[in-house]
Amino acid sequence: MPAPLTPEDVRLAVRAVVVHTAEEWPTGPLCRNDGASYPCRLHRWGRRVLEAHGLNERQIEALIRHGNPFVHVPFPFTATGPSRQQAARVVPQGIRHTAAGRPVTPPVTAPRWPRAS
C-alpha cells in the first residue's frame, strides 16, 4: 500500500509537472528542464501524484498552461465542497467576507478620527 500523500508531495508534484514540460525539438519532444525524452521521470511522477490527489487530466493540463510552479493546490483537494473528513465551516453572523476571503468583523464603536479644522 502506498504512503498517504502529504501537502509537500502535492506541492512538489505541481512543481515537477510545470518545470518538466515538453519542448519541441527536431528529434521530437524533450523535457524542457533536463533534455530527457518527454515525459521524463519527474513529470510522470508529478502526474501520478496529482491524479492520486484527485485532479483530472484537464486540471493538470491547466496547471501546466498556467506555468507557475508555485501555484497553490488545496489540500485536501475537493472539487465540489468540503471533504467528508472536514466539517463545513460555519461563519458567525456579523462577519462579512472581503474579496480576498479574510473575515472582517464590524467595529464595536464608531472610529474616533481626528477632525480636520
N, C-alpha and C. Protein backbone atom coordinates (compact mmCIF):
# COMPACT_ATOMS: atom_id res chain seq x y z
N MET A 1 0.85 -1.18 0.00
CA MET A 1 0.00 0.00 0.00
C MET A 1 0.90 1.24 0.00
N PRO A 2 0.65 2.19 -0.90
CA PRO A 2 1.49 3.39 -0.95
C PRO A 2 1.26 4.28 0.26
N ALA A 3 2.27 5.06 0.57
CA ALA A 3 2.17 6.00 1.69
C ALA A 3 1.16 7.09 1.36
N PRO A 4 0.45 7.61 2.36
CA PRO A 4 -0.52 8.68 2.08
C PRO A 4 0.19 9.95 1.62
N LEU A 5 -0.51 10.71 0.79
CA LEU A 5 0.07 11.95 0.26
C LEU A 5 0.10 13.03 1.34
N THR A 6 1.11 13.85 1.27
CA THR A 6 1.23 14.99 2.18
C THR A 6 1.10 16.27 1.36
N PRO A 7 0.85 17.40 2.00
CA PRO A 7 0.80 18.66 1.25
C PRO A 7 2.11 18.95 0.52
N GLU A 8 3.23 18.53 1.09
CA GLU A 8 4.52 18.75 0.42
C GLU A 8 4.63 17.92 -0.85
N ASP A 9 4.10 16.68 -0.84
CA ASP A 9 4.09 15.85 -2.05
C ASP A 9 3.34 16.56 -3.17
N VAL A 10 2.18 17.11 -2.84
CA VAL A 10 1.36 17.79 -3.85
C VAL A 10 2.08 19.03 -4.36
N ARG A 11 2.69 19.79 -3.46
CA ARG A 11 3.42 21.00 -3.86
C ARG A 11 4.57 20.65 -4.80
N LEU A 12 5.32 19.60 -4.48
CA LEU A 12 6.44 19.19 -5.33
C LEU A 12 5.95 18.61 -6.66
N ALA A 13 4.81 17.93 -6.64
CA ALA A 13 4.26 17.37 -7.88
C ALA A 13 3.85 18.48 -8.84
N VAL A 14 3.23 19.54 -8.31
CA VAL A 14 2.86 20.68 -9.17
C VAL A 14 4.12 21.26 -9.79
N ARG A 15 5.14 21.43 -8.98
CA ARG A 15 6.40 21.99 -9.48
C ARG A 15 7.01 21.08 -10.55
N ALA A 16 6.95 19.75 -10.34
CA ALA A 16 7.52 18.81 -11.29
C ALA A 16 6.82 18.86 -12.64
N VAL A 17 5.48 18.87 -12.65
CA VAL A 17 4.79 18.86 -13.94
C VAL A 17 4.93 20.19 -14.68
N VAL A 18 5.08 21.30 -13.94
CA VAL A 18 5.22 22.60 -14.60
C VAL A 18 6.64 22.80 -15.13
N VAL A 19 7.63 22.43 -14.34
CA VAL A 19 9.03 22.65 -14.75
C VAL A 19 9.46 21.64 -15.81
N HIS A 20 8.96 20.43 -15.73
CA HIS A 20 9.37 19.37 -16.67
C HIS A 20 8.34 19.20 -17.78
N THR A 21 8.01 20.27 -18.48
CA THR A 21 7.06 20.20 -19.59
C THR A 21 7.78 19.88 -20.89
N ALA A 22 6.99 19.62 -21.92
CA ALA A 22 7.56 19.25 -23.22
C ALA A 22 8.05 20.49 -23.96
N GLU A 23 9.13 20.30 -24.68
CA GLU A 23 9.66 21.33 -25.57
C GLU A 23 9.93 20.64 -26.90
N GLU A 24 9.42 21.20 -27.99
CA GLU A 24 9.57 20.57 -29.30
C GLU A 24 10.98 20.76 -29.84
N TRP A 25 11.58 19.66 -30.29
CA TRP A 25 12.88 19.66 -30.92
C TRP A 25 12.75 18.87 -32.23
N PRO A 26 13.71 19.02 -33.16
CA PRO A 26 13.63 18.26 -34.42
C PRO A 26 13.58 16.75 -34.19
N THR A 27 14.16 16.28 -33.10
CA THR A 27 14.15 14.84 -32.82
C THR A 27 12.89 14.39 -32.09
N GLY A 28 12.03 15.35 -31.73
CA GLY A 28 10.80 15.02 -31.01
C GLY A 28 10.73 15.79 -29.71
N PRO A 29 9.65 15.61 -28.95
CA PRO A 29 9.51 16.37 -27.69
C PRO A 29 10.54 15.91 -26.65
N LEU A 30 11.17 16.91 -26.02
CA LEU A 30 12.12 16.66 -24.94
C LEU A 30 11.69 17.45 -23.71
N CYS A 31 12.14 16.98 -22.55
CA CYS A 31 11.86 17.68 -21.30
C CYS A 31 12.57 19.03 -21.32
N ARG A 32 11.84 20.08 -21.01
CA ARG A 32 12.40 21.43 -21.03
C ARG A 32 13.50 21.59 -19.99
N ASN A 33 13.43 20.85 -18.90
CA ASN A 33 14.39 21.04 -17.82
C ASN A 33 15.66 20.22 -17.99
N ASP A 34 15.53 18.94 -18.29
CA ASP A 34 16.73 18.10 -18.31
C ASP A 34 17.05 17.47 -19.67
N GLY A 35 16.25 17.74 -20.69
CA GLY A 35 16.56 17.24 -22.03
C GLY A 35 16.28 15.77 -22.25
N ALA A 36 15.69 15.08 -21.29
CA ALA A 36 15.33 13.68 -21.46
C ALA A 36 14.11 13.59 -22.36
N SER A 37 13.86 12.39 -22.90
CA SER A 37 12.68 12.25 -23.75
C SER A 37 11.43 12.50 -22.90
N TYR A 38 10.47 13.21 -23.50
CA TYR A 38 9.26 13.61 -22.78
C TYR A 38 8.23 12.50 -22.84
N PRO A 39 7.52 12.19 -21.78
CA PRO A 39 7.59 12.75 -20.44
C PRO A 39 8.73 12.11 -19.66
N CYS A 40 9.49 12.94 -18.96
CA CYS A 40 10.61 12.44 -18.16
C CYS A 40 10.07 11.82 -16.87
N ARG A 41 10.97 11.24 -16.11
CA ARG A 41 10.58 10.53 -14.89
C ARG A 41 9.87 11.44 -13.88
N LEU A 42 10.39 12.65 -13.67
CA LEU A 42 9.77 13.55 -12.70
C LEU A 42 8.40 14.03 -13.15
N HIS A 43 8.23 14.26 -14.45
CA HIS A 43 6.91 14.67 -14.95
C HIS A 43 5.89 13.55 -14.73
N ARG A 44 6.29 12.32 -15.03
CA ARG A 44 5.38 11.18 -14.82
C ARG A 44 5.03 11.02 -13.34
N TRP A 45 6.02 11.18 -12.46
CA TRP A 45 5.77 11.09 -11.02
C TRP A 45 4.79 12.18 -10.58
N GLY A 46 5.01 13.41 -11.04
CA GLY A 46 4.13 14.51 -10.67
C GLY A 46 2.70 14.27 -11.11
N ARG A 47 2.53 13.77 -12.33
CA ARG A 47 1.17 13.46 -12.81
C ARG A 47 0.51 12.39 -11.95
N ARG A 48 1.27 11.33 -11.62
CA ARG A 48 0.70 10.26 -10.79
C ARG A 48 0.26 10.80 -9.43
N VAL A 49 1.07 11.66 -8.82
CA VAL A 49 0.73 12.21 -7.51
C VAL A 49 -0.51 13.09 -7.61
N LEU A 50 -0.57 13.95 -8.63
CA LEU A 50 -1.72 14.84 -8.78
C LEU A 50 -3.00 14.06 -9.09
N GLU A 51 -2.89 12.99 -9.88
CA GLU A 51 -4.06 12.15 -10.15
C GLU A 51 -4.51 11.44 -8.88
N ALA A 52 -3.55 10.97 -8.07
CA ALA A 52 -3.91 10.33 -6.80
C ALA A 52 -4.52 11.34 -5.84
N HIS A 53 -4.18 12.61 -6.01
CA HIS A 53 -4.71 13.67 -5.15
C HIS A 53 -6.12 14.09 -5.57
N GLY A 54 -6.56 13.66 -6.76
CA GLY A 54 -7.93 13.94 -7.18
C GLY A 54 -8.06 14.86 -8.37
N LEU A 55 -6.96 15.34 -8.93
CA LEU A 55 -7.06 16.21 -10.10
C LEU A 55 -7.24 15.35 -11.35
N ASN A 56 -8.05 15.83 -12.28
CA ASN A 56 -8.22 15.09 -13.52
C ASN A 56 -7.25 15.63 -14.58
N GLU A 57 -7.26 15.00 -15.74
CA GLU A 57 -6.32 15.37 -16.81
C GLU A 57 -6.45 16.84 -17.21
N ARG A 58 -7.68 17.31 -17.31
CA ARG A 58 -7.92 18.71 -17.71
C ARG A 58 -7.34 19.69 -16.70
N GLN A 59 -7.49 19.39 -15.42
CA GLN A 59 -6.96 20.27 -14.38
C GLN A 59 -5.43 20.27 -14.36
N ILE A 60 -4.83 19.11 -14.60
CA ILE A 60 -3.37 19.04 -14.65
C ILE A 60 -2.85 19.83 -15.85
N GLU A 61 -3.52 19.69 -17.00
CA GLU A 61 -3.11 20.47 -18.18
C GLU A 61 -3.26 21.96 -17.93
N ALA A 62 -4.28 22.36 -17.20
CA ALA A 62 -4.46 23.79 -16.87
C ALA A 62 -3.32 24.28 -15.98
N LEU A 63 -2.87 23.45 -15.05
CA LEU A 63 -1.72 23.82 -14.21
C LEU A 63 -0.48 24.04 -15.07
N ILE A 64 -0.27 23.15 -16.04
CA ILE A 64 0.90 23.26 -16.91
C ILE A 64 0.81 24.52 -17.76
N ARG A 65 -0.38 24.79 -18.33
CA ARG A 65 -0.55 26.00 -19.14
C ARG A 65 -0.37 27.26 -18.31
N HIS A 66 -0.81 27.22 -17.05
CA HIS A 66 -0.66 28.37 -16.16
C HIS A 66 0.82 28.73 -16.02
N GLY A 67 1.67 27.72 -15.92
CA GLY A 67 3.11 27.94 -15.95
C GLY A 67 3.75 28.35 -14.63
N ASN A 68 2.98 28.46 -13.55
CA ASN A 68 3.55 28.87 -12.27
C ASN A 68 3.82 27.62 -11.43
N PRO A 69 5.10 27.27 -11.19
CA PRO A 69 5.38 26.06 -10.42
C PRO A 69 5.04 26.19 -8.94
N PHE A 70 4.69 27.40 -8.50
CA PHE A 70 4.39 27.61 -7.08
C PHE A 70 2.91 27.86 -6.84
N VAL A 71 2.05 27.53 -7.83
CA VAL A 71 0.62 27.73 -7.66
C VAL A 71 0.12 26.80 -6.55
N HIS A 72 -0.85 27.27 -5.79
CA HIS A 72 -1.36 26.51 -4.64
C HIS A 72 -2.50 25.60 -5.06
N VAL A 73 -2.38 24.32 -4.74
CA VAL A 73 -3.46 23.36 -4.92
C VAL A 73 -3.94 23.00 -3.52
N PRO A 74 -5.22 23.19 -3.21
CA PRO A 74 -5.71 22.94 -1.85
C PRO A 74 -5.45 21.51 -1.40
N PHE A 75 -5.20 21.35 -0.13
CA PHE A 75 -5.00 20.02 0.44
C PHE A 75 -5.93 19.89 1.63
N PRO A 76 -6.82 18.95 1.71
CA PRO A 76 -7.16 18.00 0.65
C PRO A 76 -7.92 18.68 -0.48
N PHE A 77 -7.68 18.22 -1.70
CA PHE A 77 -8.32 18.80 -2.88
C PHE A 77 -9.75 18.30 -2.95
N THR A 78 -10.70 19.23 -3.01
CA THR A 78 -12.11 18.87 -3.16
C THR A 78 -12.71 19.76 -4.22
N ALA A 79 -13.24 19.15 -5.25
CA ALA A 79 -13.78 19.92 -6.36
C ALA A 79 -15.21 20.39 -6.09
N THR A 80 -15.93 19.69 -5.24
CA THR A 80 -17.34 20.00 -5.07
C THR A 80 -17.71 20.46 -3.67
N GLY A 81 -16.77 20.66 -2.81
CA GLY A 81 -17.08 21.12 -1.46
C GLY A 81 -16.13 20.51 -0.45
N PRO A 82 -16.41 20.67 0.83
CA PRO A 82 -15.51 20.13 1.84
C PRO A 82 -15.49 18.61 1.82
N SER A 83 -14.35 18.04 2.17
CA SER A 83 -14.26 16.58 2.18
C SER A 83 -15.07 16.02 3.33
N ARG A 84 -15.26 14.72 3.31
CA ARG A 84 -16.04 14.08 4.36
C ARG A 84 -15.33 14.19 5.71
N GLN A 85 -13.99 14.30 5.68
CA GLN A 85 -13.24 14.38 6.92
C GLN A 85 -13.38 15.75 7.57
N GLN A 86 -13.63 16.79 6.77
CA GLN A 86 -13.73 18.14 7.29
C GLN A 86 -15.20 18.52 7.44
N ALA A 87 -15.52 19.15 8.54
CA ALA A 87 -16.87 19.68 8.70
C ALA A 87 -16.96 21.00 7.95
N ALA A 88 -18.14 21.32 7.48
CA ALA A 88 -18.33 22.60 6.78
C ALA A 88 -18.12 23.73 7.77
N ARG A 89 -17.46 24.80 7.31
CA ARG A 89 -17.20 25.95 8.18
C ARG A 89 -18.47 26.73 8.41
N VAL A 90 -18.70 27.10 9.64
CA VAL A 90 -19.84 27.93 9.98
C VAL A 90 -19.31 29.32 10.27
N VAL A 91 -19.85 30.32 9.56
CA VAL A 91 -19.42 31.70 9.75
C VAL A 91 -20.43 32.39 10.63
N PRO A 92 -19.99 32.93 11.78
CA PRO A 92 -20.94 33.61 12.66
C PRO A 92 -21.55 34.82 11.99
N GLN A 93 -22.78 35.17 12.43
CA GLN A 93 -23.42 36.36 11.88
C GLN A 93 -22.65 37.59 12.30
N GLY A 94 -22.69 38.61 11.47
CA GLY A 94 -21.99 39.85 11.77
C GLY A 94 -20.59 39.87 11.18
N ILE A 95 -20.16 38.78 10.58
CA ILE A 95 -18.85 38.75 9.93
C ILE A 95 -19.09 38.71 8.43
N ARG A 96 -18.48 39.63 7.73
CA ARG A 96 -18.61 39.64 6.28
C ARG A 96 -17.25 39.36 5.67
N HIS A 97 -17.26 38.76 4.50
CA HIS A 97 -16.02 38.39 3.84
C HIS A 97 -15.66 39.43 2.80
N THR A 98 -14.36 39.72 2.72
CA THR A 98 -13.86 40.62 1.68
C THR A 98 -13.54 39.79 0.45
N ALA A 99 -13.11 40.44 -0.60
CA ALA A 99 -12.78 39.73 -1.84
C ALA A 99 -11.63 38.76 -1.63
N ALA A 100 -10.70 39.06 -0.73
CA ALA A 100 -9.56 38.19 -0.51
C ALA A 100 -9.93 36.97 0.33
N GLY A 101 -11.11 36.96 0.94
CA GLY A 101 -11.54 35.81 1.70
C GLY A 101 -11.24 35.90 3.19
N ARG A 102 -10.70 37.01 3.64
CA ARG A 102 -10.42 37.17 5.07
C ARG A 102 -11.65 37.73 5.76
N PRO A 103 -12.07 37.16 6.90
CA PRO A 103 -13.25 37.69 7.58
C PRO A 103 -12.95 39.06 8.20
N VAL A 104 -13.92 39.94 8.10
CA VAL A 104 -13.80 41.28 8.67
C VAL A 104 -14.95 41.46 9.64
N THR A 105 -14.63 41.71 10.90
CA THR A 105 -15.67 41.94 11.88
C THR A 105 -16.00 43.42 11.91
N PRO A 106 -17.26 43.76 12.06
CA PRO A 106 -17.61 45.18 12.12
C PRO A 106 -17.08 45.79 13.41
N PRO A 107 -16.74 47.09 13.40
CA PRO A 107 -16.22 47.71 14.62
C PRO A 107 -17.30 47.77 15.70
N VAL A 108 -16.86 47.68 16.95
CA VAL A 108 -17.79 47.72 18.07
C VAL A 108 -18.36 49.12 18.21
N THR A 109 -17.52 50.12 18.11
CA THR A 109 -17.97 51.52 18.16
C THR A 109 -17.43 52.23 16.93
N ALA A 110 -17.99 53.37 16.66
CA ALA A 110 -17.52 54.14 15.51
C ALA A 110 -16.09 54.63 15.78
N PRO A 111 -15.22 54.59 14.78
CA PRO A 111 -13.85 55.06 15.00
C PRO A 111 -13.83 56.56 15.30
N ARG A 112 -12.91 56.97 16.13
CA ARG A 112 -12.80 58.37 16.51
C ARG A 112 -11.59 58.97 15.79
N TRP A 113 -11.83 59.47 14.60
CA TRP A 113 -10.77 60.07 13.82
C TRP A 113 -10.58 61.52 14.25
N PRO A 114 -9.35 62.03 14.18
CA PRO A 114 -9.16 63.46 14.49
C PRO A 114 -9.86 64.30 13.44
N ARG A 115 -10.50 65.34 13.87
CA ARG A 115 -11.24 66.20 12.95
C ARG A 115 -10.32 67.23 12.33
N ALA A 116 -10.50 67.41 11.05
CA ALA A 116 -9.77 68.48 10.37
C ALA A 116 -10.49 69.80 10.66
N SER A 117 -9.74 70.82 10.97
CA SER A 117 -10.39 72.10 11.31
C SER A 117 -10.54 72.99 10.11
